[in-house]
Amino acid sequence: MRRMKRAAAVMAAVSALVLAASTQASASQSSGWVSTTNKGGKAFFTADVKGKPGQERLTVCDLKVNNRPVVVLVYETGSNDGSGLGGTDHWLTDKTKNGKCVQATHNWYKEETPITIQVMEKRKDGAYININSSTAVA
């Protein structure tokens, strides 16, 4: 009887190990909606696009009619060393002013790369205002 109990315990432990080893962990994390500080626009970074393995999606929405397009910028966290963004930056602009959104989908980053997302409005003089940021993992 003891042997059977012991054998059952060993089998349960082996089964648990096999199950744990076969489950692949993914650290990808989307940003959630990030709004400009004045709520005039918002953006979203989707880490893993359903049906498109390895691809990310950027979405940006201009929510106010104020003659300022809404811009989203994503880049590898830590790549901005003061001399530029190191070639990891991707920009998308919504100039529609109609509450609808603009999207782009591409394989920009290696899996599990930490990224920073910034959403902002662009004034006519080219200055960026109402900037807000968050993070995600591609």
N, C-alpha and C. Protein backbone atom coordinates (compact mmCIF):
# COMPACT_ATOMS: atom_id res chain seq x y z
N MET A 1 0.82 -1.19 0.00
CA MET A 1 0.00 0.00 0.00
C MET A 1 0.87 1.26 0.00
N ARG A 2 1.91 1.23 0.81
CA ARG A 2 2.81 2.38 0.85
C ARG A 2 3.45 2.63 -0.50
N ARG A 3 3.86 1.55 -1.15
CA ARG A 3 4.50 1.68 -2.46
C ARG A 3 3.55 2.32 -3.47
N MET A 4 2.29 1.94 -3.41
CA MET A 4 1.31 2.49 -4.36
C MET A 4 1.11 3.98 -4.09
N LYS A 5 1.04 4.36 -2.82
CA LYS A 5 0.89 5.77 -2.49
C LYS A 5 2.11 6.57 -2.94
N ARG A 6 3.27 5.98 -2.70
CA ARG A 6 4.51 6.64 -3.10
C ARG A 6 4.59 6.77 -4.62
N ALA A 7 4.23 5.72 -5.33
CA ALA A 7 4.24 5.74 -6.80
C ALA A 7 3.25 6.78 -7.33
N ALA A 8 2.10 6.88 -6.70
CA ALA A 8 1.10 7.86 -7.12
C ALA A 8 1.62 9.28 -6.89
N ALA A 9 2.31 9.50 -5.77
CA ALA A 9 2.86 10.82 -5.48
C ALA A 9 3.95 11.18 -6.49
N VAL A 10 4.80 10.21 -6.82
CA VAL A 10 5.86 10.46 -7.82
C VAL A 10 5.24 10.77 -9.17
N MET A 11 4.24 10.03 -9.58
CA MET A 11 3.58 10.27 -10.87
C MET A 11 2.93 11.65 -10.91
N ALA A 12 2.32 12.06 -9.81
CA ALA A 12 1.70 13.38 -9.75
C ALA A 12 2.75 14.47 -9.87
N ALA A 13 3.88 14.29 -9.21
CA ALA A 13 4.97 15.28 -9.28
C ALA A 13 5.54 15.36 -10.69
N VAL A 14 5.75 14.22 -11.34
CA VAL A 14 6.26 14.21 -12.71
C VAL A 14 5.26 14.87 -13.65
N SER A 15 3.99 14.56 -13.49
CA SER A 15 2.96 15.18 -14.34
C SER A 15 2.95 16.69 -14.18
N ALA A 16 3.08 17.16 -12.95
CA ALA A 16 3.10 18.61 -12.71
C ALA A 16 4.31 19.26 -13.36
N LEU A 17 5.47 18.60 -13.29
CA LEU A 17 6.67 19.13 -13.94
C LEU A 17 6.53 19.19 -15.45
N VAL A 18 5.97 18.15 -16.05
CA VAL A 18 5.77 18.12 -17.50
C VAL A 18 4.81 19.22 -17.91
N LEU A 19 3.74 19.39 -17.17
CA LEU A 19 2.77 20.44 -17.48
C LEU A 19 3.39 21.82 -17.36
N ALA A 20 4.15 22.04 -16.32
CA ALA A 20 4.80 23.34 -16.12
C ALA A 20 5.81 23.62 -17.21
N ALA A 21 6.55 22.63 -17.63
CA ALA A 21 7.56 22.81 -18.67
C ALA A 21 6.93 23.07 -20.03
N SER A 22 5.76 22.54 -20.27
CA SER A 22 5.12 22.70 -21.58
C SER A 22 4.36 24.02 -21.69
N THR A 23 4.12 24.70 -20.58
CA THR A 23 3.43 25.98 -20.60
C THR A 23 4.45 27.07 -20.85
N GLN A 24 4.31 27.77 -21.99
CA GLN A 24 5.27 28.82 -22.34
C GLN A 24 4.79 30.15 -21.75
N ALA A 25 5.67 30.78 -21.00
CA ALA A 25 5.33 32.06 -20.40
C ALA A 25 5.63 33.18 -21.39
N SER A 26 4.76 34.15 -21.44
CA SER A 26 4.97 35.30 -22.30
C SER A 26 4.89 36.55 -21.45
N ALA A 27 5.92 37.38 -21.56
CA ALA A 27 5.96 38.58 -20.75
C ALA A 27 5.43 39.79 -21.52
N SER A 28 4.91 39.58 -22.73
CA SER A 28 4.38 40.70 -23.49
C SER A 28 3.24 41.37 -22.74
N GLN A 29 3.20 42.70 -22.83
CA GLN A 29 2.18 43.46 -22.11
C GLN A 29 1.82 44.69 -22.92
N SER A 30 0.56 44.85 -23.24
CA SER A 30 0.09 46.04 -23.94
C SER A 30 0.09 47.23 -22.98
N SER A 31 0.02 48.43 -23.54
CA SER A 31 0.12 49.64 -22.72
C SER A 31 -1.18 50.02 -22.03
N GLY A 32 -2.30 49.62 -22.59
CA GLY A 32 -3.57 50.18 -22.16
C GLY A 32 -3.69 51.57 -22.79
N TRP A 33 -4.84 52.19 -22.67
CA TRP A 33 -5.02 53.53 -23.25
C TRP A 33 -4.22 54.56 -22.46
N VAL A 34 -3.47 55.37 -23.19
CA VAL A 34 -2.70 56.47 -22.61
C VAL A 34 -3.25 57.76 -23.21
N SER A 35 -3.76 58.67 -22.39
CA SER A 35 -4.36 59.91 -22.87
C SER A 35 -3.41 61.08 -22.73
N THR A 36 -3.57 62.08 -23.61
CA THR A 36 -2.83 63.32 -23.42
C THR A 36 -3.30 63.94 -22.11
N THR A 37 -2.50 64.83 -21.55
CA THR A 37 -2.85 65.38 -20.24
C THR A 37 -4.15 66.18 -20.27
N ASN A 38 -4.56 66.68 -21.44
CA ASN A 38 -5.81 67.43 -21.54
C ASN A 38 -6.96 66.59 -22.11
N LYS A 39 -6.72 65.28 -22.27
CA LYS A 39 -7.72 64.33 -22.80
C LYS A 39 -8.12 64.65 -24.25
N GLY A 40 -7.27 65.37 -24.97
CA GLY A 40 -7.54 65.69 -26.37
C GLY A 40 -7.24 64.56 -27.33
N GLY A 41 -6.51 63.57 -26.85
CA GLY A 41 -6.18 62.42 -27.67
C GLY A 41 -5.75 61.26 -26.80
N LYS A 42 -5.66 60.09 -27.43
CA LYS A 42 -5.23 58.91 -26.69
C LYS A 42 -4.53 57.95 -27.66
N ALA A 43 -3.76 57.04 -27.08
CA ALA A 43 -3.02 56.07 -27.88
C ALA A 43 -2.96 54.73 -27.14
N PHE A 44 -2.69 53.68 -27.91
CA PHE A 44 -2.64 52.32 -27.36
C PHE A 44 -1.56 51.56 -28.10
N PHE A 45 -0.70 50.84 -27.37
CA PHE A 45 0.28 49.94 -27.96
C PHE A 45 -0.17 48.52 -27.67
N THR A 46 -0.47 47.75 -28.72
CA THR A 46 -0.86 46.36 -28.58
C THR A 46 0.39 45.51 -28.78
N ALA A 47 0.77 44.76 -27.75
CA ALA A 47 2.02 44.00 -27.79
C ALA A 47 1.96 42.81 -28.75
N ASP A 48 0.89 42.08 -28.76
CA ASP A 48 0.76 40.90 -29.63
C ASP A 48 -0.58 40.99 -30.35
N VAL A 49 -0.54 41.24 -31.65
CA VAL A 49 -1.76 41.35 -32.43
C VAL A 49 -2.30 39.95 -32.71
N LYS A 50 -3.54 39.73 -32.34
CA LYS A 50 -4.17 38.42 -32.53
C LYS A 50 -4.16 38.05 -34.01
N GLY A 51 -3.68 36.86 -34.30
CA GLY A 51 -3.64 36.37 -35.67
C GLY A 51 -2.43 36.85 -36.47
N LYS A 52 -1.57 37.65 -35.84
CA LYS A 52 -0.37 38.16 -36.52
C LYS A 52 0.83 37.98 -35.59
N PRO A 53 1.37 36.77 -35.53
CA PRO A 53 2.46 36.48 -34.58
C PRO A 53 3.64 37.44 -34.72
N GLY A 54 4.13 37.90 -33.57
CA GLY A 54 5.31 38.76 -33.53
C GLY A 54 5.06 40.20 -33.92
N GLN A 55 3.82 40.57 -34.20
CA GLN A 55 3.55 41.94 -34.63
C GLN A 55 2.89 42.75 -33.53
N GLU A 56 3.19 44.05 -33.56
CA GLU A 56 2.61 45.01 -32.63
C GLU A 56 1.71 45.97 -33.40
N ARG A 57 0.82 46.63 -32.67
CA ARG A 57 -0.07 47.61 -33.30
C ARG A 57 -0.04 48.90 -32.49
N LEU A 58 0.05 50.01 -33.21
CA LEU A 58 -0.07 51.34 -32.62
C LEU A 58 -1.42 51.91 -33.03
N THR A 59 -2.12 52.48 -32.08
CA THR A 59 -3.40 53.14 -32.36
C THR A 59 -3.32 54.53 -31.75
N VAL A 60 -3.74 55.54 -32.49
CA VAL A 60 -3.77 56.91 -31.98
C VAL A 60 -5.09 57.55 -32.40
N CYS A 61 -5.69 58.32 -31.48
CA CYS A 61 -7.00 58.92 -31.72
C CYS A 61 -6.98 60.40 -31.37
N ASP A 62 -7.43 61.24 -32.30
CA ASP A 62 -7.60 62.67 -32.07
C ASP A 62 -9.04 62.89 -31.63
N LEU A 63 -9.25 63.31 -30.38
CA LEU A 63 -10.60 63.37 -29.82
C LEU A 63 -11.21 64.76 -29.78
N LYS A 64 -10.40 65.81 -29.97
CA LYS A 64 -10.92 67.17 -29.88
C LYS A 64 -10.67 67.93 -31.17
N VAL A 65 -11.63 68.78 -31.53
CA VAL A 65 -11.44 69.68 -32.67
C VAL A 65 -10.75 70.93 -32.13
N ASN A 66 -9.40 70.91 -32.18
CA ASN A 66 -8.63 72.03 -31.64
C ASN A 66 -7.45 72.39 -32.56
N ASN A 67 -7.48 71.89 -33.79
CA ASN A 67 -6.43 72.15 -34.78
C ASN A 67 -5.05 71.68 -34.33
N ARG A 68 -5.02 70.68 -33.46
CA ARG A 68 -3.74 70.08 -33.05
C ARG A 68 -3.83 68.57 -33.26
N PRO A 69 -3.07 68.04 -34.22
CA PRO A 69 -3.07 66.59 -34.40
C PRO A 69 -2.50 65.89 -33.17
N VAL A 70 -2.90 64.65 -32.97
CA VAL A 70 -2.40 63.85 -31.87
C VAL A 70 -1.35 62.89 -32.43
N VAL A 71 -0.23 62.82 -31.72
CA VAL A 71 0.92 62.04 -32.17
C VAL A 71 1.26 61.01 -31.10
N VAL A 72 1.60 59.79 -31.54
CA VAL A 72 2.09 58.79 -30.61
C VAL A 72 3.51 58.41 -31.04
N LEU A 73 4.36 58.23 -30.05
CA LEU A 73 5.74 57.83 -30.24
C LEU A 73 5.99 56.62 -29.36
N VAL A 74 6.58 55.56 -29.94
CA VAL A 74 7.03 54.42 -29.14
C VAL A 74 8.51 54.20 -29.41
N TYR A 75 9.23 53.81 -28.38
CA TYR A 75 10.65 53.50 -28.53
C TYR A 75 11.09 52.55 -27.43
N GLU A 76 12.21 51.87 -27.66
CA GLU A 76 12.75 50.96 -26.66
C GLU A 76 13.10 51.75 -25.41
N THR A 77 12.57 51.33 -24.29
CA THR A 77 12.85 52.00 -23.02
C THR A 77 14.36 51.97 -22.77
N GLY A 78 14.92 53.13 -22.44
CA GLY A 78 16.35 53.22 -22.18
C GLY A 78 17.20 53.51 -23.40
N SER A 79 16.58 53.55 -24.59
CA SER A 79 17.37 53.80 -25.80
C SER A 79 17.60 55.28 -26.04
N ASN A 80 16.87 56.13 -25.31
CA ASN A 80 17.02 57.57 -25.48
C ASN A 80 18.13 58.05 -24.55
N ASP A 81 19.33 58.12 -25.10
CA ASP A 81 20.50 58.50 -24.29
C ASP A 81 20.87 59.97 -24.45
N GLY A 82 20.00 60.75 -25.04
CA GLY A 82 20.27 62.16 -25.25
C GLY A 82 20.76 62.47 -26.65
N SER A 83 21.18 61.44 -27.39
CA SER A 83 21.67 61.67 -28.75
C SER A 83 20.66 61.21 -29.79
N GLY A 84 19.45 61.03 -29.38
CA GLY A 84 18.42 60.53 -30.29
C GLY A 84 17.80 59.28 -29.69
N LEU A 85 16.96 58.64 -30.45
CA LEU A 85 16.25 57.47 -29.94
C LEU A 85 16.88 56.16 -30.37
N GLY A 86 18.04 56.21 -30.99
CA GLY A 86 18.75 54.99 -31.33
C GLY A 86 18.10 54.17 -32.42
N GLY A 87 17.27 54.78 -33.24
CA GLY A 87 16.65 54.05 -34.34
C GLY A 87 15.51 53.15 -33.94
N THR A 88 15.09 53.23 -32.69
CA THR A 88 14.01 52.35 -32.23
C THR A 88 12.67 53.08 -32.18
N ASP A 89 12.63 54.31 -32.64
CA ASP A 89 11.42 55.11 -32.50
C ASP A 89 10.48 54.92 -33.69
N HIS A 90 9.18 54.90 -33.38
CA HIS A 90 8.14 54.80 -34.40
C HIS A 90 7.05 55.80 -34.04
N TRP A 91 6.64 56.59 -35.05
CA TRP A 91 5.68 57.68 -34.85
C TRP A 91 4.42 57.39 -35.66
N LEU A 92 3.30 57.82 -35.15
CA LEU A 92 2.04 57.74 -35.87
C LEU A 92 1.21 58.96 -35.48
N THR A 93 0.60 59.61 -36.47
CA THR A 93 -0.16 60.84 -36.25
C THR A 93 -1.60 60.68 -36.73
N ASP A 94 -2.53 61.18 -35.94
CA ASP A 94 -3.94 61.26 -36.34
C ASP A 94 -4.29 62.73 -36.51
N LYS A 95 -4.57 63.12 -37.74
CA LYS A 95 -4.93 64.50 -38.06
C LYS A 95 -6.41 64.66 -38.34
N THR A 96 -7.20 63.61 -38.10
CA THR A 96 -8.59 63.61 -38.54
C THR A 96 -9.51 64.52 -37.75
N LYS A 97 -9.24 64.73 -36.48
CA LYS A 97 -10.09 65.58 -35.61
C LYS A 97 -11.54 65.12 -35.59
N ASN A 98 -11.78 63.82 -35.76
CA ASN A 98 -13.16 63.35 -35.83
C ASN A 98 -13.48 62.29 -34.78
N GLY A 99 -12.57 62.05 -33.85
CA GLY A 99 -12.83 61.06 -32.81
C GLY A 99 -12.51 59.64 -33.24
N LYS A 100 -12.25 59.43 -34.53
CA LYS A 100 -11.87 58.10 -35.00
C LYS A 100 -10.38 57.92 -34.79
N CYS A 101 -9.89 56.73 -35.03
CA CYS A 101 -8.50 56.41 -34.75
C CYS A 101 -7.75 55.99 -36.01
N VAL A 102 -6.43 56.11 -35.94
CA VAL A 102 -5.52 55.66 -36.99
C VAL A 102 -4.67 54.55 -36.41
N GLN A 103 -4.41 53.50 -37.22
CA GLN A 103 -3.63 52.37 -36.73
C GLN A 103 -2.51 52.01 -37.69
N ALA A 104 -1.47 51.41 -37.15
CA ALA A 104 -0.38 50.82 -37.95
C ALA A 104 0.03 49.53 -37.25
N THR A 105 0.27 48.49 -38.04
CA THR A 105 0.68 47.20 -37.50
C THR A 105 1.98 46.78 -38.19
N HIS A 106 2.94 46.33 -37.37
CA HIS A 106 4.24 45.93 -37.92
C HIS A 106 5.01 45.14 -36.86
N ASN A 107 6.05 44.46 -37.27
CA ASN A 107 6.93 43.77 -36.33
C ASN A 107 8.11 44.70 -36.04
N TRP A 108 7.91 45.66 -35.13
CA TRP A 108 8.91 46.67 -34.85
C TRP A 108 9.98 46.21 -33.86
N TYR A 109 9.59 45.39 -32.89
CA TYR A 109 10.48 45.06 -31.79
C TYR A 109 10.60 43.56 -31.59
N LYS A 110 11.75 43.13 -31.05
CA LYS A 110 11.93 41.74 -30.66
C LYS A 110 10.98 41.46 -29.50
N GLU A 111 10.56 40.21 -29.39
CA GLU A 111 9.67 39.82 -28.30
C GLU A 111 10.29 40.17 -26.95
N GLU A 112 9.43 40.62 -26.06
CA GLU A 112 9.77 40.94 -24.67
C GLU A 112 10.72 42.13 -24.53
N THR A 113 10.69 43.05 -25.51
CA THR A 113 11.46 44.29 -25.43
C THR A 113 10.65 45.33 -24.66
N PRO A 114 11.20 45.92 -23.59
CA PRO A 114 10.49 46.99 -22.88
C PRO A 114 10.41 48.24 -23.77
N ILE A 115 9.24 48.82 -23.87
CA ILE A 115 9.07 50.02 -24.70
C ILE A 115 8.39 51.11 -23.87
N THR A 116 8.59 52.35 -24.33
CA THR A 116 7.92 53.51 -23.77
C THR A 116 6.98 54.05 -24.84
N ILE A 117 5.78 54.41 -24.43
CA ILE A 117 4.80 55.01 -25.34
C ILE A 117 4.52 56.42 -24.83
N GLN A 118 4.56 57.40 -25.75
CA GLN A 118 4.23 58.78 -25.42
C GLN A 118 3.15 59.26 -26.37
N VAL A 119 2.15 59.92 -25.83
CA VAL A 119 1.10 60.51 -26.65
C VAL A 119 1.08 62.01 -26.36
N MET A 120 0.89 62.81 -27.42
CA MET A 120 0.99 64.26 -27.28
C MET A 120 0.22 64.96 -28.40
N GLU A 121 0.01 66.24 -28.23
CA GLU A 121 -0.56 67.06 -29.29
C GLU A 121 0.56 67.89 -29.91
N LYS A 122 0.40 68.18 -31.21
CA LYS A 122 1.41 68.97 -31.92
C LYS A 122 0.81 70.31 -32.32
N ARG A 123 1.43 71.38 -31.82
CA ARG A 123 0.97 72.73 -32.17
C ARG A 123 1.41 73.09 -33.58
N LYS A 124 0.82 74.16 -34.12
CA LYS A 124 1.17 74.62 -35.47
C LYS A 124 2.65 75.00 -35.59
N ASP A 125 3.25 75.47 -34.49
CA ASP A 125 4.67 75.84 -34.53
C ASP A 125 5.60 74.64 -34.39
N GLY A 126 5.02 73.42 -34.32
CA GLY A 126 5.81 72.20 -34.24
C GLY A 126 6.11 71.72 -32.84
N ALA A 127 5.76 72.51 -31.84
CA ALA A 127 6.02 72.11 -30.45
C ALA A 127 5.03 71.04 -30.01
N TYR A 128 5.50 70.12 -29.19
CA TYR A 128 4.64 69.08 -28.64
C TYR A 128 4.18 69.50 -27.25
N ILE A 129 2.89 69.33 -26.98
CA ILE A 129 2.32 69.74 -25.70
C ILE A 129 1.41 68.64 -25.15
N ASN A 130 1.02 68.78 -23.91
CA ASN A 130 0.09 67.84 -23.26
C ASN A 130 0.59 66.40 -23.33
N ILE A 131 1.89 66.21 -23.10
CA ILE A 131 2.54 64.92 -23.24
C ILE A 131 2.28 64.04 -22.03
N ASN A 132 1.98 62.78 -22.31
CA ASN A 132 1.81 61.78 -21.27
C ASN A 132 2.48 60.50 -21.75
N SER A 133 2.94 59.67 -20.82
CA SER A 133 3.64 58.45 -21.25
C SER A 133 3.31 57.28 -20.35
N SER A 134 3.64 56.09 -20.85
CA SER A 134 3.47 54.85 -20.12
C SER A 134 4.48 53.86 -20.68
N THR A 135 4.42 52.63 -20.19
CA THR A 135 5.32 51.60 -20.68
C THR A 135 4.55 50.35 -21.07
N ALA A 136 5.22 49.50 -21.83
CA ALA A 136 4.66 48.22 -22.26
C ALA A 136 5.83 47.29 -22.54
N VAL A 137 5.52 46.04 -22.90
CA VAL A 137 6.54 45.08 -23.28
C VAL A 137 6.10 44.43 -24.58
N ALA A 138 6.93 44.58 -25.63
CA ALA A 138 6.58 44.06 -26.96
C ALA A 138 6.51 42.55 -26.96
